[in-house]
Protein backbone atom coordinates (compact mmCIF):
# COMPACT_ATOMS: atom_id res chain seq x y z
CA MET A 1 134.98 105.13 113.18
CA ASN A 2 135.42 101.80 111.43
CA THR A 3 138.70 100.10 110.56
CA SER A 4 138.88 101.93 107.21
CA GLY A 5 138.69 105.31 108.96
CA ALA A 6 135.19 106.22 107.77
CA ILE A 7 133.06 107.88 110.46
CA LEU A 8 129.36 107.62 111.33
CA GLU A 9 127.82 109.80 114.06
CA VAL A 10 124.27 109.38 115.39
CA THR A 11 122.30 111.22 118.08
CA ASN A 12 119.49 109.70 120.13
CA TYR A 13 117.34 112.75 119.34
CA GLY A 14 115.26 111.48 116.44
CA GLY A 15 117.84 108.78 115.72
CA ILE A 16 119.48 111.35 113.44
CA VAL A 17 122.59 110.48 111.45
CA THR A 18 124.47 113.74 112.00
CA ARG A 19 127.72 112.94 110.16
CA LEU A 20 128.92 110.38 107.63
CA LEU A 21 132.52 110.94 106.54
CA LEU A 22 133.67 108.92 103.53
CA PRO A 23 136.77 109.02 101.32
CA ASP A 24 136.72 110.11 97.69
CA ARG A 25 138.85 108.50 94.98
CA ASN A 26 141.91 110.35 96.35
CA GLY A 27 141.26 109.35 99.94
CA LYS A 28 139.92 112.77 101.00
CA GLN A 29 137.17 112.49 103.63
CA GLU A 30 133.96 114.45 103.16
CA ASP A 31 130.70 114.50 105.12
CA VAL A 32 128.06 113.23 102.69
CA VAL A 33 124.86 113.81 104.71
CA LEU A 34 123.11 117.14 105.21
CA GLY A 35 122.70 118.29 108.80
CA PHE A 36 123.63 120.74 111.54
CA ASN A 37 126.39 121.19 114.12
CA THR A 38 124.11 121.67 117.16
CA LEU A 39 121.01 120.11 118.66
CA GLU A 40 119.45 123.56 118.88
CA GLU A 41 119.47 123.84 115.08
CA TYR A 42 117.66 120.51 114.72
CA LEU A 43 115.11 121.61 117.34
CA LYS A 44 114.52 124.93 115.59
CA ASP A 45 113.95 123.87 112.02
CA SER A 46 114.83 120.62 110.27
CA PRO A 47 113.15 119.08 107.20
CA TYR A 48 113.67 115.55 108.60
CA LEU A 49 117.43 115.68 108.02
CA GLY A 50 118.92 112.24 108.75
CA CYS A 51 116.20 111.01 111.08
CA ILE A 52 114.10 107.93 111.81
CA VAL A 53 110.61 108.48 110.40
CA GLY A 54 107.52 106.98 112.03
CA ARG A 55 105.00 105.82 113.04
CA TYR A 56 104.18 106.15 109.33
CA GLY A 57 106.75 107.37 106.83
CA ASN A 58 105.38 109.46 103.95
CA ARG A 59 101.83 110.78 103.54
CA ILE A 60 98.37 109.65 104.62
CA ALA A 61 95.51 111.35 102.78
CA ASN A 62 93.37 113.79 104.77
CA GLY A 63 95.16 112.72 107.95
CA GLN A 64 92.75 109.84 108.47
CA PHE A 65 92.16 106.14 107.87
CA VAL A 66 89.67 103.42 108.81
CA LEU A 67 90.92 100.26 110.49
CA ASP A 68 88.60 97.43 111.59
CA GLN A 69 85.54 99.71 111.18
CA THR A 70 87.04 102.45 113.37
CA LYS A 71 88.01 105.83 111.93
CA TYR A 72 91.21 107.40 113.19
CA GLU A 73 92.11 111.08 112.89
CA LEU A 74 95.77 112.07 112.66
CA ALA A 75 97.55 115.41 112.68
CA LYS A 76 97.38 117.25 109.38
CA ASN A 77 100.90 118.67 109.36
CA ASN A 78 101.52 119.06 105.63
CA ALA A 79 99.57 120.60 102.77
CA PRO A 80 101.21 120.29 99.34
CA GLY A 81 99.06 121.94 96.71
CA GLY A 82 97.01 123.41 99.55
CA ILE A 83 95.58 119.95 100.37
CA PRO A 84 96.13 118.95 104.04
CA CYS A 85 97.56 115.51 104.81
CA HIS A 86 99.49 113.64 107.50
CA LEU A 87 103.25 113.47 106.91
CA HIS A 88 106.01 111.41 108.54
CA GLY A 89 104.20 110.59 111.78
CA GLY A 90 102.70 113.98 112.57
CA GLU A 91 103.62 116.98 114.67
CA LEU A 92 105.75 114.92 117.08
CA GLY A 93 106.88 111.96 115.01
CA PHE A 94 109.76 109.63 115.74
CA ASP A 95 112.12 112.27 114.30
CA LYS A 96 111.39 114.58 117.26
CA VAL A 97 111.55 112.23 120.26
CA VAL A 98 114.45 111.18 122.47
CA TRP A 99 115.22 107.49 122.02
CA ASN A 100 116.84 105.27 124.63
CA ASP A 101 120.25 104.31 123.29
CA THR A 102 122.53 101.31 123.91
CA PRO A 103 125.91 100.89 122.18
CA MET A 104 126.49 97.41 120.71
CA ILE A 105 129.43 95.38 119.40
CA GLU A 106 128.82 92.23 117.37
CA ASN A 107 131.50 90.37 115.39
CA LYS A 108 133.75 93.44 115.73
CA VAL A 109 131.09 95.67 114.16
CA ALA A 110 129.94 98.75 116.10
CA GLY A 111 126.25 99.41 116.46
CA LEU A 112 123.67 101.45 118.33
CA LYS A 113 120.32 100.14 119.54
CA LEU A 114 117.60 102.80 119.82
CA THR A 115 114.31 102.02 121.58
CA TYR A 116 111.10 103.99 121.94
CA LEU A 117 107.59 103.25 123.20
CA SER A 118 104.96 105.11 121.21
CA HIS A 119 101.90 105.21 123.43
CA ASP A 120 98.35 104.40 122.41
CA GLY A 121 96.82 107.55 120.92
CA GLU A 122 100.14 109.27 120.21
CA GLU A 123 99.60 111.50 117.15
CA GLY A 124 96.23 109.76 116.79
CA TYR A 125 97.55 106.24 116.17
CA PRO A 126 96.04 103.23 117.98
CA GLY A 127 98.08 100.88 120.14
CA ASN A 128 101.21 100.96 122.25
CA LEU A 129 103.97 100.42 119.70
CA ALA A 130 107.34 99.21 121.03
CA VAL A 131 110.04 100.12 118.49
CA GLU A 132 113.71 99.18 118.17
CA VAL A 133 116.02 100.54 115.49
CA TRP A 134 119.51 99.09 115.21
CA TYR A 135 122.23 101.04 113.40
CA TRP A 136 125.35 99.13 112.35
CA TRP A 137 128.48 100.71 110.82
CA THR A 138 130.55 97.96 109.23
CA ASN A 139 134.22 97.92 108.32
CA GLU A 140 133.14 97.73 104.67
CA ASN A 141 131.47 101.17 104.91
CA GLU A 142 127.94 99.79 105.14
CA LEU A 143 125.26 101.58 107.14
CA LYS A 144 122.87 98.78 108.08
CA ILE A 145 119.53 99.72 109.64
CA GLU A 146 117.24 97.12 111.20
CA TYR A 147 113.73 98.05 112.33
CA HIS A 148 111.69 96.02 114.83
CA ALA A 149 108.25 96.70 116.33
CA THR A 150 105.38 95.06 118.21
CA THR A 151 101.95 96.40 119.16
CA ASP A 152 99.04 95.65 121.47
CA LYS A 153 96.41 96.97 119.01
CA PRO A 154 96.21 96.87 115.22
CA THR A 155 98.03 99.91 113.82
CA PRO A 156 99.73 101.09 110.62
CA VAL A 157 103.54 100.98 110.74
CA ASN A 158 105.90 102.20 108.02
CA LEU A 159 109.37 103.05 109.32
CA THR A 160 112.13 104.56 107.22
CA HIS A 161 115.34 106.58 107.29
CA HIS A 162 115.52 110.13 105.93
CA SER A 163 119.14 111.10 105.32
CA TYR A 164 119.69 113.70 102.63
CA PHE A 165 122.77 112.59 100.71
CA ASN A 166 125.19 114.57 98.59
CA LEU A 167 128.09 112.35 97.58
CA LYS A 168 130.16 115.41 96.60
CA GLY A 169 129.91 116.51 100.24
CA GLU A 170 127.27 118.41 102.17
CA GLY A 171 127.07 122.03 101.08
CA GLU A 172 128.92 121.30 97.83
CA GLY A 173 126.12 122.24 95.44
CA ASP A 174 123.28 120.40 93.75
CA ILE A 175 122.88 116.67 93.21
CA LEU A 176 121.81 116.83 89.55
CA GLY A 177 125.04 115.25 88.27
CA HIS A 178 124.65 112.15 90.46
CA VAL A 179 123.91 109.09 88.33
CA LEU A 180 120.97 107.06 89.65
CA MET A 181 119.61 103.59 88.93
CA ILE A 182 116.38 102.24 90.46
CA LYS A 183 115.22 98.66 89.95
CA GLY A 184 111.57 99.38 89.33
CA GLU A 185 109.41 99.30 86.21
CA LYS A 186 106.48 101.00 87.91
CA TYR A 187 105.84 103.90 90.26
CA THR A 188 102.82 105.27 92.11
CA PRO A 189 101.59 108.52 90.47
CA VAL A 190 100.20 111.20 92.78
CA ASN A 191 97.58 113.92 92.67
CA ASN A 192 98.38 117.59 93.25
CA GLY A 193 98.42 116.90 97.00
CA LEU A 194 101.20 114.31 96.49
CA ILE A 195 98.85 111.47 97.49
CA PRO A 196 98.99 108.30 95.35
CA THR A 197 96.07 107.88 92.97
CA GLY A 198 96.18 104.09 93.45
CA GLU A 199 97.58 103.46 89.98
CA LEU A 200 100.79 101.55 89.35
CA ALA A 201 102.15 103.29 86.26
CA ASP A 202 104.91 102.15 83.91
CA VAL A 203 108.12 104.19 84.06
CA LYS A 204 109.10 103.26 80.49
CA GLY A 205 109.06 106.24 78.18
CA THR A 206 108.80 108.72 81.09
CA PRO A 207 111.26 110.79 83.16
CA PHE A 208 110.75 108.18 85.91
CA ASP A 209 112.66 105.48 84.05
CA PHE A 210 115.90 104.95 85.99
CA SER A 211 116.19 101.29 85.01
CA GLN A 212 119.51 102.27 83.42
CA PRO A 213 121.96 104.62 85.20
CA THR A 214 120.83 108.18 84.42
CA ALA A 215 121.87 111.57 85.74
CA ILE A 216 119.26 112.90 88.17
CA GLY A 217 119.20 116.22 86.33
CA GLU A 218 118.81 114.77 82.85
CA ARG A 219 114.98 114.86 82.81
CA ILE A 220 114.07 116.51 86.10
CA ASN A 221 112.79 119.67 84.38
CA ALA A 222 110.76 117.86 81.74
CA GLY A 223 107.19 119.06 81.35
CA HIS A 224 105.70 115.91 82.88
CA GLN A 225 102.69 116.61 85.10
CA GLN A 226 104.02 114.39 87.89
CA LEU A 227 107.25 116.40 88.03
CA LYS A 228 105.21 119.58 88.20
CA TYR A 229 103.25 118.25 91.19
CA GLY A 230 106.45 117.36 93.08
CA MET A 231 108.60 120.27 91.80
CA GLY A 232 110.88 117.42 90.74
CA TYR A 233 111.09 113.84 91.95
CA ASP A 234 109.12 113.06 95.11
CA HIS A 235 107.65 109.69 94.21
CA ASN A 236 107.50 106.05 95.25
CA TRP A 237 108.94 103.37 92.98
CA VAL A 238 107.47 99.85 93.01
CA LEU A 239 110.59 97.76 93.36
CA ARG A 240 111.34 94.73 91.18
CA LYS A 241 112.16 92.24 93.91
CA ALA A 242 110.88 89.29 95.87
CA ALA A 243 108.59 90.23 98.75
CA GLY A 244 110.49 90.53 102.03
CA LYS A 245 113.85 89.51 100.56
CA LEU A 246 116.92 91.70 101.10
CA GLU A 247 118.01 92.78 97.62
CA MET A 248 119.88 95.64 95.98
CA VAL A 249 117.32 98.09 94.58
CA ALA A 250 119.23 101.25 93.67
CA THR A 251 122.70 102.64 92.95
CA VAL A 252 124.02 106.19 92.93
CA TYR A 253 127.37 107.35 91.53
CA GLU A 254 128.92 110.81 91.81
CA PRO A 255 131.51 111.23 89.01
CA ALA A 256 133.55 114.11 90.47
CA SER A 257 134.37 112.37 93.77
CA GLY A 258 134.12 108.76 92.62
CA ARG A 259 131.84 107.95 95.56
CA ALA A 260 129.06 105.44 94.99
CA MET A 261 126.20 104.09 97.07
CA GLU A 262 124.10 100.97 96.80
CA VAL A 263 120.70 100.66 98.49
CA TRP A 264 119.57 97.23 99.70
CA THR A 265 116.21 96.61 101.36
CA THR A 266 113.51 94.13 102.28
CA GLU A 267 110.85 96.78 101.58
CA PRO A 268 108.60 96.83 98.45
CA GLY A 269 108.95 100.56 97.73
CA LEU A 270 111.53 103.32 97.44
CA GLN A 271 110.79 107.04 97.70
CA PHE A 272 113.20 109.10 95.63
CA TYR A 273 113.12 112.73 96.71
CA SER A 274 115.34 115.26 94.93
CA GLY A 275 115.42 117.96 97.63
CA ASN A 276 112.79 120.12 95.95
CA PHE A 277 111.71 121.93 99.13
CA LEU A 278 115.21 123.00 100.15
CA ASP A 279 115.22 126.74 99.56
CA GLY A 280 118.46 128.10 101.02
CA HIS A 281 117.09 129.35 104.35
CA LEU A 282 118.96 126.60 106.23
CA SER A 283 122.75 126.55 106.49
CA GLY A 284 124.45 123.29 107.29
CA LYS A 285 127.56 122.03 109.04
CA SER A 286 129.93 123.74 106.61
CA GLY A 287 128.07 127.04 106.98
CA LYS A 288 126.88 126.86 103.39
CA PRO A 289 123.15 127.19 102.63
CA TYR A 290 121.19 124.15 101.53
CA ARG A 291 119.56 125.31 98.33
CA PHE A 292 117.11 123.78 95.85
CA ARG A 293 118.10 120.17 95.10
CA HIS A 294 121.29 120.21 97.18
CA GLY A 295 120.50 116.77 98.64
CA PHE A 296 118.54 113.64 97.74
CA CYS A 297 116.76 110.98 99.77
CA LEU A 298 116.23 107.31 98.98
CA GLU A 299 113.69 106.19 101.57
CA THR A 300 112.93 102.48 101.67
CA GLN A 301 109.29 101.96 102.57
CA HIS A 302 105.84 100.54 102.01
CA PHE A 303 103.80 102.73 99.69
CA PRO A 304 102.43 106.13 100.75
CA ASP A 305 98.79 106.22 101.95
CA SER A 306 98.62 102.42 102.15
CA PRO A 307 96.02 102.48 104.98
CA ASN A 308 93.62 104.08 102.48
CA GLN A 309 94.72 102.07 99.43
CA PRO A 310 93.44 98.46 99.60
CA ASN A 311 95.39 97.48 96.48
CA PHE A 312 98.74 98.42 98.04
CA PRO A 313 100.73 96.01 100.26
CA SER A 314 99.35 96.21 103.79
CA THR A 315 101.12 98.22 106.50
CA ILE A 316 98.89 97.00 109.34
CA LEU A 317 100.70 95.40 112.27
CA ARG A 318 98.54 93.33 114.64
CA PRO A 319 99.11 92.00 118.17
CA GLY A 320 101.23 88.87 118.14
CA GLU A 321 102.98 89.87 114.90
CA LYS A 322 106.52 91.22 114.64
CA TYR A 323 107.48 94.06 112.33
CA HIS A 324 110.96 93.61 110.90
CA SER A 325 112.59 95.52 108.06
CA THR A 326 116.20 95.89 106.94
CA THR A 327 117.90 98.51 104.79
CA ILE A 328 121.60 98.81 103.95
CA TYR A 329 123.37 101.79 102.39
CA LYS A 330 126.65 100.45 101.00
CA PHE A 331 129.31 103.04 100.14
CA LYS A 332 132.17 102.50 97.71
CA THR A 333 134.74 104.52 95.79
CA ASN A 334 135.09 104.24 92.02
CA ALA A 335 132.77 101.26 92.02
CA PRO A 336 131.42 100.13 88.65
CA LEU A 337 127.75 100.89 88.12
CA VAL A 338 125.51 97.87 88.57
CA ARG A 339 122.87 97.58 85.88
């Protein structure tokens, strides 16, 4: 709990954010992240609710890539459109491991340091990758996430956070009335297997244009082929920002509660996922089922399938280099929309 009374809870299993209680415009606290009440439920069946994703967030085509003339085979644990691919680190990604945890206090801000050593060959990836993820929960209701990694062999790294948000409160219905803005004029279209084609397409004149605040549901059912592939939004935006600089890249506002969220990141991409694969078979903390589009994700990242896409920013980390990435989710109440 911070000094304003807002509460963040995290478990060292998968680095999962299990609860995030925030006030609405009347001061009423609601949990705004989807999740479960018990570890057993996460172990049984969880579509990456609230977790750390790695070694590579998002998809890698055909579960394979070539690095320095060597071909690597990864687990093929996802098959949208019937086309197998590697998703979110594989069968036993960072979302399904137990992290070492150390509580931290810095400048009166509470934090949690999570560490994990991903061994050479784990899920098919080369190199021993030493990872640290720092969660900070500030007194200004900011969830700050810092990612750090080093390796002893060249390897792809693309770490992200996968909370499903519903600013009305988890279990309180769909997210289609949330008003979203994304600072990006381009996105990366996908094929029917949800793998980027390599094109950087303009959002202008398409349902992917969130350059001005727009309700998520306003165009989600348009007859656009990309929306048909994803059953809604499940795409990477190319962010309009300086490379490596921490900048605000997205805002979300929920009119009924007055809750708002800003997303800041050093990353070049943002995956907006509108909860299209939630189907009601999971019930969350409130006992209510999580149905179609009852949560959304804004995953800061490098682009999907970058190891196979030479025109995308590189995700290869080499010995002697340090991986560092920062993302901040800033929560407010009745905040004006930033355009």
